[in-house]
Amino acid sequence: IEPSVNAEKPAGEWQSMDITLHQRHLTVILNGTTIIDNQP
């Protein structure tokens, strides 16, 4: 699954990941931006 947008920060900076896995569907929020939205 390709991220919908590039939301990462430059190397060496702290980054946040918020990942939900439910019923074989995935949501990834990187640095406050949803890049994978409840995808199978």
ModelCIF file with pLDDT and N, C-alpha, C, O atoms, coordinates in Angstrom:
data_MODEL
#
_entry.id   MODEL 
#
_entity.id                         1 
_entity.type                       polymer 
_entity.pdbx_number_of_molecules   1 
#
_entity_poly.entity_id                      1 
_entity_poly.type                           'polypeptide(L)' 
_entity_poly.nstd_linkage                   no 
_entity_poly.nstd_monomer                   no 
_entity_poly.pdbx_seq_one_letter_code       IEPSVNAEKPAGEWQSMDITLHQRHLTVILNGTTIIDNQP 
_entity_poly.pdbx_seq_one_letter_code_can   IEPSVNAEKPAGEWQSMDITLHQRHLTVILNGTTIIDNQP 
_entity_poly.pdbx_strand_id                 A 
#
loop_
_entity_poly_seq.entity_id 
_entity_poly_seq.num 
_entity_poly_seq.mon_id 
_entity_poly_seq.hetero 
1 1  ILE n 
1 2  GLU n 
1 3  PRO n 
1 4  SER n 
1 5  VAL n 
1 6  ASN n 
1 7  ALA n 
1 8  GLU n 
1 9  LYS n 
1 10 PRO n 
1 11 ALA n 
1 12 GLY n 
1 13 GLU n 
1 14 TRP n 
1 15 GLN n 
1 16 SER n 
1 17 MET n 
1 18 ASP n 
1 19 ILE n 
1 20 THR n 
1 21 LEU n 
1 22 HIS n 
1 23 GLN n 
1 24 ARG n 
1 25 HIS n 
1 26 LEU n 
1 27 THR n 
1 28 VAL n 
1 29 ILE n 
1 30 LEU n 
1 31 ASN n 
1 32 GLY n 
1 33 THR n 
1 34 THR n 
1 35 ILE n 
1 36 ILE n 
1 37 ASP n 
1 38 ASN n 
1 39 GLN n 
1 40 PRO n 
#
_struct_asym.id          A 
_struct_asym.entity_id   1 
#
loop_
_ma_qa_metric.id 
_ma_qa_metric.mode 
_ma_qa_metric.name 
_ma_qa_metric.software_group_id 
_ma_qa_metric.type 
1 global pLDDT . pLDDT 
2 local  pLDDT . pLDDT 
#
_ma_qa_metric_global.metric_id      1 
_ma_qa_metric_global.metric_value   97.70 
_ma_qa_metric_global.model_id       1 
_ma_qa_metric_global.ordinal_id     1 
#
loop_
_ma_qa_metric_local.label_asym_id 
_ma_qa_metric_local.label_comp_id 
_ma_qa_metric_local.label_seq_id 
_ma_qa_metric_local.metric_id 
_ma_qa_metric_local.metric_value 
_ma_qa_metric_local.model_id 
_ma_qa_metric_local.ordinal_id 
A ILE 1  2 98.00 1 1  
A GLU 2  2 98.00 1 2  
A PRO 3  2 98.00 1 3  
A SER 4  2 97.00 1 4  
A VAL 5  2 96.00 1 5  
A ASN 6  2 95.00 1 6  
A ALA 7  2 97.00 1 7  
A GLU 8  2 97.00 1 8  
A LYS 9  2 98.00 1 9  
A PRO 10 2 97.00 1 10 
A ALA 11 2 97.00 1 11 
A GLY 12 2 97.00 1 12 
A GLU 13 2 98.00 1 13 
A TRP 14 2 98.00 1 14 
A GLN 15 2 98.00 1 15 
A SER 16 2 98.00 1 16 
A MET 17 2 98.00 1 17 
A ASP 18 2 98.00 1 18 
A ILE 19 2 98.00 1 19 
A THR 20 2 98.00 1 20 
A LEU 21 2 98.00 1 21 
A HIS 22 2 98.00 1 22 
A GLN 23 2 97.00 1 23 
A ARG 24 2 98.00 1 24 
A HIS 25 2 98.00 1 25 
A LEU 26 2 98.00 1 26 
A THR 27 2 98.00 1 27 
A VAL 28 2 98.00 1 28 
A ILE 29 2 98.00 1 29 
A LEU 30 2 98.00 1 30 
A ASN 31 2 98.00 1 31 
A GLY 32 2 98.00 1 32 
A THR 33 2 98.00 1 33 
A THR 34 2 98.00 1 34 
A ILE 35 2 98.00 1 35 
A ILE 36 2 98.00 1 36 
A ASP 37 2 98.00 1 37 
A ASN 38 2 98.00 1 38 
A GLN 39 2 98.00 1 39 
A PRO 40 2 98.00 1 40 
#
loop_
_atom_site.group_PDB 
_atom_site.id 
_atom_site.type_symbol 
_atom_site.label_atom_id 
_atom_site.label_alt_id 
_atom_site.label_comp_id 
_atom_site.label_asym_id 
_atom_site.label_entity_id 
_atom_site.label_seq_id 
_atom_site.pdbx_PDB_ins_code 
_atom_site.Cartn_x 
_atom_site.Cartn_y 
_atom_site.Cartn_z 
_atom_site.occupancy 
_atom_site.B_iso_or_equiv 
_atom_site.pdbx_formal_charge 
_atom_site.auth_seq_id 
_atom_site.auth_comp_id 
_atom_site.auth_asym_id 
_atom_site.auth_atom_id 
_atom_site.pdbx_PDB_model_num 
ATOM 1   N N  . ILE A 1 1  ? 0.848   -1.195 0.000  1.00 98.00 ? 1  ILE A N  1 
ATOM 2   C CA . ILE A 1 1  ? 0.000   0.000  0.000  1.00 98.00 ? 1  ILE A CA 1 
ATOM 3   C C  . ILE A 1 1  ? 0.880   1.241  0.000  1.00 98.00 ? 1  ILE A C  1 
ATOM 4   O O  . ILE A 1 1  ? 1.672   1.452  0.918  1.00 98.00 ? 1  ILE A O  1 
ATOM 5   N N  . GLU A 1 2  ? 0.737   2.048  -1.025 1.00 98.00 ? 2  GLU A N  1 
ATOM 6   C CA . GLU A 1 2  ? 1.506   3.286  -1.170 1.00 98.00 ? 2  GLU A CA 1 
ATOM 7   C C  . GLU A 1 2  ? 0.833   4.412  -0.390 1.00 98.00 ? 2  GLU A C  1 
ATOM 8   O O  . GLU A 1 2  ? -0.383  4.578  -0.495 1.00 98.00 ? 2  GLU A O  1 
ATOM 9   N N  . PRO A 1 3  ? 1.580   5.187  0.385  1.00 98.00 ? 3  PRO A N  1 
ATOM 10  C CA . PRO A 1 3  ? 0.984   6.340  1.071  1.00 98.00 ? 3  PRO A CA 1 
ATOM 11  C C  . PRO A 1 3  ? 0.319   7.287  0.075  1.00 98.00 ? 3  PRO A C  1 
ATOM 12  O O  . PRO A 1 3  ? 0.804   7.458  -1.044 1.00 98.00 ? 3  PRO A O  1 
ATOM 13  N N  . SER A 1 4  ? -0.786  7.897  0.483  1.00 97.00 ? 4  SER A N  1 
ATOM 14  C CA . SER A 1 4  ? -1.487  8.817  -0.403 1.00 97.00 ? 4  SER A CA 1 
ATOM 15  C C  . SER A 1 4  ? -0.719  10.125 -0.577 1.00 97.00 ? 4  SER A C  1 
ATOM 16  O O  . SER A 1 4  ? -0.827  10.782 -1.612 1.00 97.00 ? 4  SER A O  1 
ATOM 17  N N  . VAL A 1 5  ? 0.057   10.499 0.443  1.00 96.00 ? 5  VAL A N  1 
ATOM 18  C CA . VAL A 1 5  ? 0.898   11.701 0.376  1.00 96.00 ? 5  VAL A CA 1 
ATOM 19  C C  . VAL A 1 5  ? 2.200   11.408 1.096  1.00 96.00 ? 5  VAL A C  1 
ATOM 20  O O  . VAL A 1 5  ? 2.282   10.472 1.891  1.00 96.00 ? 5  VAL A O  1 
ATOM 21  N N  . ASN A 1 6  ? 3.214   12.208 0.817  1.00 95.00 ? 6  ASN A N  1 
ATOM 22  C CA . ASN A 1 6  ? 4.484   12.099 1.530  1.00 95.00 ? 6  ASN A CA 1 
ATOM 23  C C  . ASN A 1 6  ? 4.444   13.046 2.722  1.00 95.00 ? 6  ASN A C  1 
ATOM 24  O O  . ASN A 1 6  ? 4.526   14.264 2.563  1.00 95.00 ? 6  ASN A O  1 
ATOM 25  N N  . ALA A 1 7  ? 4.317   12.474 3.924  1.00 97.00 ? 7  ALA A N  1 
ATOM 26  C CA . ALA A 1 7  ? 4.148   13.294 5.130  1.00 97.00 ? 7  ALA A CA 1 
ATOM 27  C C  . ALA A 1 7  ? 5.338   13.185 6.076  1.00 97.00 ? 7  ALA A C  1 
ATOM 28  O O  . ALA A 1 7  ? 5.273   13.664 7.208  1.00 97.00 ? 7  ALA A O  1 
ATOM 29  N N  . GLU A 1 8  ? 6.420   12.563 5.627  1.00 97.00 ? 8  GLU A N  1 
ATOM 30  C CA . GLU A 1 8  ? 7.542   12.363 6.546  1.00 97.00 ? 8  GLU A CA 1 
ATOM 31  C C  . GLU A 1 8  ? 8.394   13.620 6.705  1.00 97.00 ? 8  GLU A C  1 
ATOM 32  O O  . GLU A 1 8  ? 8.323   14.558 5.911  1.00 97.00 ? 8  GLU A O  1 
ATOM 33  N N  . LYS A 1 9  ? 9.193   13.598 7.753  1.00 98.00 ? 9  LYS A N  1 
ATOM 34  C CA . LYS A 1 9  ? 10.104  14.700 8.055  1.00 98.00 ? 9  LYS A CA 1 
ATOM 35  C C  . LYS A 1 9  ? 11.523  14.336 7.612  1.00 98.00 ? 9  LYS A C  1 
ATOM 36  O O  . LYS A 1 9  ? 11.803  13.174 7.317  1.00 98.00 ? 9  LYS A O  1 
ATOM 37  N N  . PRO A 1 10 ? 12.409  15.320 7.568  1.00 97.00 ? 10 PRO A N  1 
ATOM 38  C CA . PRO A 1 10 ? 13.798  15.034 7.185  1.00 97.00 ? 10 PRO A CA 1 
ATOM 39  C C  . PRO A 1 10 ? 14.475  14.081 8.170  1.00 97.00 ? 10 PRO A C  1 
ATOM 40  O O  . PRO A 1 10 ? 14.047  13.937 9.315  1.00 97.00 ? 10 PRO A O  1 
ATOM 41  N N  . ALA A 1 11 ? 15.520  13.447 7.705  1.00 97.00 ? 11 ALA A N  1 
ATOM 42  C CA . ALA A 1 11 ? 16.290  12.528 8.545  1.00 97.00 ? 11 ALA A CA 1 
ATOM 43  C C  . ALA A 1 11 ? 16.756  13.234 9.814  1.00 97.00 ? 11 ALA A C  1 
ATOM 44  O O  . ALA A 1 11 ? 17.103  14.415 9.798  1.00 97.00 ? 11 ALA A O  1 
ATOM 45  N N  . GLY A 1 12 ? 16.753  12.476 10.919 1.00 97.00 ? 12 GLY A N  1 
ATOM 46  C CA . GLY A 1 12 ? 17.244  13.002 12.188 1.00 97.00 ? 12 GLY A CA 1 
ATOM 47  C C  . GLY A 1 12 ? 16.197  13.690 13.036 1.00 97.00 ? 12 GLY A C  1 
ATOM 48  O O  . GLY A 1 12 ? 16.480  14.054 14.177 1.00 97.00 ? 12 GLY A O  1 
ATOM 49  N N  . GLU A 1 13 ? 14.975  13.882 12.506 1.00 98.00 ? 13 GLU A N  1 
ATOM 50  C CA . GLU A 1 13 ? 13.903  14.502 13.285 1.00 98.00 ? 13 GLU A CA 1 
ATOM 51  C C  . GLU A 1 13 ? 12.965  13.420 13.826 1.00 98.00 ? 13 GLU A C  1 
ATOM 52  O O  . GLU A 1 13 ? 12.760  12.381 13.200 1.00 98.00 ? 13 GLU A O  1 
ATOM 53  N N  . TRP A 1 14 ? 12.402  13.694 15.008 1.00 98.00 ? 14 TRP A N  1 
ATOM 54  C CA . TRP A 1 14 ? 11.437  12.764 15.577 1.00 98.00 ? 14 TRP A CA 1 
ATOM 55  C C  . TRP A 1 14 ? 10.126  12.835 14.790 1.00 98.00 ? 14 TRP A C  1 
ATOM 56  O O  . TRP A 1 14 ? 9.643   13.914 14.446 1.00 98.00 ? 14 TRP A O  1 
ATOM 57  N N  . GLN A 1 15 ? 9.565   11.649 14.514 1.00 98.00 ? 15 GLN A N  1 
ATOM 58  C CA . GLN A 1 15 ? 8.331   11.553 13.749 1.00 98.00 ? 15 GLN A CA 1 
ATOM 59  C C  . GLN A 1 15 ? 7.337   10.669 14.499 1.00 98.00 ? 15 GLN A C  1 
ATOM 60  O O  . GLN A 1 15 ? 7.726   9.725  15.186 1.00 98.00 ? 15 GLN A O  1 
ATOM 61  N N  . SER A 1 16 ? 6.064   10.983 14.360 1.00 98.00 ? 16 SER A N  1 
ATOM 62  C CA . SER A 1 16 ? 5.023   10.213 15.045 1.00 98.00 ? 16 SER A CA 1 
ATOM 63  C C  . SER A 1 16 ? 4.310   9.295  14.056 1.00 98.00 ? 16 SER A C  1 
ATOM 64  O O  . SER A 1 16 ? 4.053   9.663  12.910 1.00 98.00 ? 16 SER A O  1 
ATOM 65  N N  . MET A 1 17 ? 3.999   8.088  14.533 1.00 98.00 ? 17 MET A N  1 
ATOM 66  C CA . MET A 1 17 ? 3.227   7.124  13.753 1.00 98.00 ? 17 MET A CA 1 
ATOM 67  C C  . MET A 1 17 ? 2.054   6.656  14.601 1.00 98.00 ? 17 MET A C  1 
ATOM 68  O O  . MET A 1 17 ? 2.210   6.295  15.767 1.00 98.00 ? 17 MET A O  1 
ATOM 69  N N  . ASP A 1 18 ? 0.880   6.670  13.988 1.00 98.00 ? 18 ASP A N  1 
ATOM 70  C CA . ASP A 1 18 ? -0.354  6.231  14.636 1.00 98.00 ? 18 ASP A CA 1 
ATOM 71  C C  . ASP A 1 18 ? -0.968  5.192  13.702 1.00 98.00 ? 18 ASP A C  1 
ATOM 72  O O  . ASP A 1 18 ? -1.452  5.530  12.622 1.00 98.00 ? 18 ASP A O  1 
ATOM 73  N N  . ILE A 1 19 ? -0.946  3.923  14.124 1.00 98.00 ? 19 ILE A N  1 
ATOM 74  C CA . ILE A 1 19 ? -1.276  2.801  13.241 1.00 98.00 ? 19 ILE A CA 1 
ATOM 75  C C  . ILE A 1 19 ? -2.443  2.017  13.838 1.00 98.00 ? 19 ILE A C  1 
ATOM 76  O O  . ILE A 1 19 ? -2.398  1.611  14.999 1.00 98.00 ? 19 ILE A O  1 
ATOM 77  N N  . THR A 1 20 ? -3.480  1.809  13.040 1.00 98.00 ? 20 THR A N  1 
ATOM 78  C CA . THR A 1 20 ? -4.605  0.984  13.480 1.00 98.00 ? 20 THR A CA 1 
ATOM 79  C C  . THR A 1 20 ? -4.769  -0.198 12.532 1.00 98.00 ? 20 THR A C  1 
ATOM 80  O O  . THR A 1 20 ? -4.895  -0.027 11.319 1.00 98.00 ? 20 THR A O  1 
ATOM 81  N N  . LEU A 1 21 ? -4.765  -1.390 13.100 1.00 98.00 ? 21 LEU A N  1 
ATOM 82  C CA . LEU A 1 21 ? -5.003  -2.620 12.347 1.00 98.00 ? 21 LEU A CA 1 
ATOM 83  C C  . LEU A 1 21 ? -6.269  -3.264 12.890 1.00 98.00 ? 21 LEU A C  1 
ATOM 84  O O  . LEU A 1 21 ? -6.329  -3.643 14.059 1.00 98.00 ? 21 LEU A O  1 
ATOM 85  N N  . HIS A 1 22 ? -7.293  -3.387 12.023 1.00 98.00 ? 22 HIS A N  1 
ATOM 86  C CA . HIS A 1 22 ? -8.570  -3.934 12.466 1.00 98.00 ? 22 HIS A CA 1 
ATOM 87  C C  . HIS A 1 22 ? -9.242  -4.657 11.305 1.00 98.00 ? 22 HIS A C  1 
ATOM 88  O O  . HIS A 1 22 ? -9.484  -4.078 10.246 1.00 98.00 ? 22 HIS A O  1 
ATOM 89  N N  . GLN A 1 23 ? -9.533  -5.924 11.524 1.00 97.00 ? 23 GLN A N  1 
ATOM 90  C CA . GLN A 1 23 ? -10.223 -6.759 10.540 1.00 97.00 ? 23 GLN A CA 1 
ATOM 91  C C  . GLN A 1 23 ? -9.509  -6.729 9.179  1.00 97.00 ? 23 GLN A C  1 
ATOM 92  O O  . GLN A 1 23 ? -10.140 -6.595 8.131  1.00 97.00 ? 23 GLN A O  1 
ATOM 93  N N  . ARG A 1 24 ? -8.189  -6.855 9.230  1.00 98.00 ? 24 ARG A N  1 
ATOM 94  C CA . ARG A 1 24 ? -7.345  -6.855 8.040  1.00 98.00 ? 24 ARG A CA 1 
ATOM 95  C C  . ARG A 1 24 ? -7.494  -5.564 7.224  1.00 98.00 ? 24 ARG A C  1 
ATOM 96  O O  . ARG A 1 24 ? -7.379  -5.577 5.999  1.00 98.00 ? 24 ARG A O  1 
ATOM 97  N N  . HIS A 1 25 ? -7.746  -4.471 7.909  1.00 98.00 ? 25 HIS A N  1 
ATOM 98  C CA . HIS A 1 25 ? -7.760  -3.149 7.289  1.00 98.00 ? 25 HIS A CA 1 
ATOM 99  C C  . HIS A 1 25 ? -6.796  -2.259 8.072  1.00 98.00 ? 25 HIS A C  1 
ATOM 100 O O  . HIS A 1 25 ? -6.680  -2.372 9.292  1.00 98.00 ? 25 HIS A O  1 
ATOM 101 N N  . LEU A 1 26 ? -6.113  -1.382 7.358  1.00 98.00 ? 26 LEU A N  1 
ATOM 102 C CA . LEU A 1 26 ? -5.004  -0.634 7.934  1.00 98.00 ? 26 LEU A CA 1 
ATOM 103 C C  . LEU A 1 26 ? -5.199  0.870  7.779  1.00 98.00 ? 26 LEU A C  1 
ATOM 104 O O  . LEU A 1 26 ? -5.586  1.364  6.720  1.00 98.00 ? 26 LEU A O  1 
ATOM 105 N N  . THR A 1 27 ? -4.918  1.579  8.867  1.00 98.00 ? 27 THR A N  1 
ATOM 106 C CA . THR A 1 27 ? -4.860  3.040  8.848  1.00 98.00 ? 27 THR A CA 1 
ATOM 107 C C  . THR A 1 27 ? -3.517  3.467  9.403  1.00 98.00 ? 27 THR A C  1 
ATOM 108 O O  . THR A 1 27 ? -3.102  2.999  10.463 1.00 98.00 ? 27 THR A O  1 
ATOM 109 N N  . VAL A 1 28 ? -2.833  4.357  8.690  1.00 98.00 ? 28 VAL A N  1 
ATOM 110 C CA . VAL A 1 28 ? -1.554  4.902  9.153  1.00 98.00 ? 28 VAL A CA 1 
ATOM 111 C C  . VAL A 1 28 ? -1.626  6.420  9.107  1.00 98.00 ? 28 VAL A C  1 
ATOM 112 O O  . VAL A 1 28 ? -1.917  7.016  8.070  1.00 98.00 ? 28 VAL A O  1 
ATOM 113 N N  . ILE A 1 29 ? -1.353  7.032  10.256 1.00 98.00 ? 29 ILE A N  1 
ATOM 114 C CA . ILE A 1 29 ? -1.272  8.487  10.359 1.00 98.00 ? 29 ILE A CA 1 
ATOM 115 C C  . ILE A 1 29 ? 0.179   8.827  10.663 1.00 98.00 ? 29 ILE A C  1 
ATOM 116 O O  . ILE A 1 29 ? 0.694   8.461  11.720 1.00 98.00 ? 29 ILE A O  1 
ATOM 117 N N  . LEU A 1 30 ? 0.833   9.516  9.755  1.00 98.00 ? 30 LEU A N  1 
ATOM 118 C CA . LEU A 1 30 ? 2.240   9.887  9.901  1.00 98.00 ? 30 LEU A CA 1 
ATOM 119 C C  . LEU A 1 30 ? 2.344   11.384 10.127 1.00 98.00 ? 30 LEU A C  1 
ATOM 120 O O  . LEU A 1 30 ? 1.936   12.188 9.289  1.00 98.00 ? 30 LEU A O  1 
ATOM 121 N N  . ASN A 1 31 ? 2.900   11.743 11.280 1.00 98.00 ? 31 ASN A N  1 
ATOM 122 C CA . ASN A 1 31 ? 3.082   13.160 11.629 1.00 98.00 ? 31 ASN A CA 1 
ATOM 123 C C  . ASN A 1 31 ? 1.781   13.951 11.500 1.00 98.00 ? 31 ASN A C  1 
ATOM 124 O O  . ASN A 1 31 ? 1.771   15.090 11.033 1.00 98.00 ? 31 ASN A O  1 
ATOM 125 N N  . GLY A 1 32 ? 0.680   13.315 11.928 1.00 98.00 ? 32 GLY A N  1 
ATOM 126 C CA . GLY A 1 32 ? -0.619  13.981 11.938 1.00 98.00 ? 32 GLY A CA 1 
ATOM 127 C C  . GLY A 1 32 ? -1.390  13.920 10.639 1.00 98.00 ? 32 GLY A C  1 
ATOM 128 O O  . GLY A 1 32 ? -2.519  14.406 10.577 1.00 98.00 ? 32 GLY A O  1 
ATOM 129 N N  . THR A 1 33 ? -0.815  13.337 9.593  1.00 98.00 ? 33 THR A N  1 
ATOM 130 C CA . THR A 1 33 ? -1.480  13.242 8.289  1.00 98.00 ? 33 THR A CA 1 
ATOM 131 C C  . THR A 1 33 ? -1.831  11.787 7.989  1.00 98.00 ? 33 THR A C  1 
ATOM 132 O O  . THR A 1 33 ? -0.978  10.904 8.082  1.00 98.00 ? 33 THR A O  1 
ATOM 133 N N  . THR A 1 34 ? -3.071  11.547 7.635  1.00 98.00 ? 34 THR A N  1 
ATOM 134 C CA . THR A 1 34 ? -3.495  10.199 7.280  1.00 98.00 ? 34 THR A CA 1 
ATOM 135 C C  . THR A 1 34 ? -2.947  9.856  5.894  1.00 98.00 ? 34 THR A C  1 
ATOM 136 O O  . THR A 1 34 ? -3.297  10.497 4.903  1.00 98.00 ? 34 THR A O  1 
ATOM 137 N N  . ILE A 1 35 ? -2.089  8.846  5.836  1.00 98.00 ? 35 ILE A N  1 
ATOM 138 C CA . ILE A 1 35 ? -1.470  8.459  4.563  1.00 98.00 ? 35 ILE A CA 1 
ATOM 139 C C  . ILE A 1 35 ? -1.992  7.121  4.048  1.00 98.00 ? 35 ILE A C  1 
ATOM 140 O O  . ILE A 1 35 ? -1.848  6.816  2.864  1.00 98.00 ? 35 ILE A O  1 
ATOM 141 N N  . ILE A 1 36 ? -2.598  6.318  4.931  1.00 98.00 ? 36 ILE A N  1 
ATOM 142 C CA . ILE A 1 36 ? -3.303  5.097  4.548  1.00 98.00 ? 36 ILE A CA 1 
ATOM 143 C C  . ILE A 1 36 ? -4.612  5.108  5.330  1.00 98.00 ? 36 ILE A C  1 
ATOM 144 O O  . ILE A 1 36 ? -4.602  5.129  6.560  1.00 98.00 ? 36 ILE A O  1 
ATOM 145 N N  . ASP A 1 37 ? -5.730  5.095  4.623  1.00 98.00 ? 37 ASP A N  1 
ATOM 146 C CA . ASP A 1 37 ? -7.027  5.348  5.261  1.00 98.00 ? 37 ASP A CA 1 
ATOM 147 C C  . ASP A 1 37 ? -7.923  4.114  5.205  1.00 98.00 ? 37 ASP A C  1 
ATOM 148 O O  . ASP A 1 37 ? -8.697  3.937  4.264  1.00 98.00 ? 37 ASP A O  1 
ATOM 149 N N  . ASN A 1 38 ? -7.808  3.261  6.228  1.00 98.00 ? 38 ASN A N  1 
ATOM 150 C CA . ASN A 1 38 ? -8.698  2.111  6.388  1.00 98.00 ? 38 ASN A CA 1 
ATOM 151 C C  . ASN A 1 38 ? -8.707  1.234  5.136  1.00 98.00 ? 38 ASN A C  1 
ATOM 152 O O  . ASN A 1 38 ? -9.756  0.808  4.654  1.00 98.00 ? 38 ASN A O  1 
ATOM 153 N N  . GLN A 1 39 ? -7.493  0.979  4.626  1.00 98.00 ? 39 GLN A N  1 
ATOM 154 C CA . GLN A 1 39 ? -7.331  0.233  3.384  1.00 98.00 ? 39 GLN A CA 1 
ATOM 155 C C  . GLN A 1 39 ? -7.234  -1.277 3.649  1.00 98.00 ? 39 GLN A C  1 
ATOM 156 O O  . GLN A 1 39 ? -6.694  -1.682 4.678  1.00 98.00 ? 39 GLN A O  1 
ATOM 157 N N  . PRO A 1 40 ? -7.747  -2.110 2.739  1.00 98.00 ? 40 PRO A N  1 
ATOM 158 C CA . PRO A 1 40 ? -7.654  -3.568 2.923  1.00 98.00 ? 40 PRO A CA 1 
ATOM 159 C C  . PRO A 1 40 ? -6.219  -4.048 2.778  1.00 98.00 ? 40 PRO A C  1 
ATOM 160 O O  . PRO A 1 40 ? -5.952  -5.243 2.901  1.00 98.00 ? 40 PRO A O  1 
#
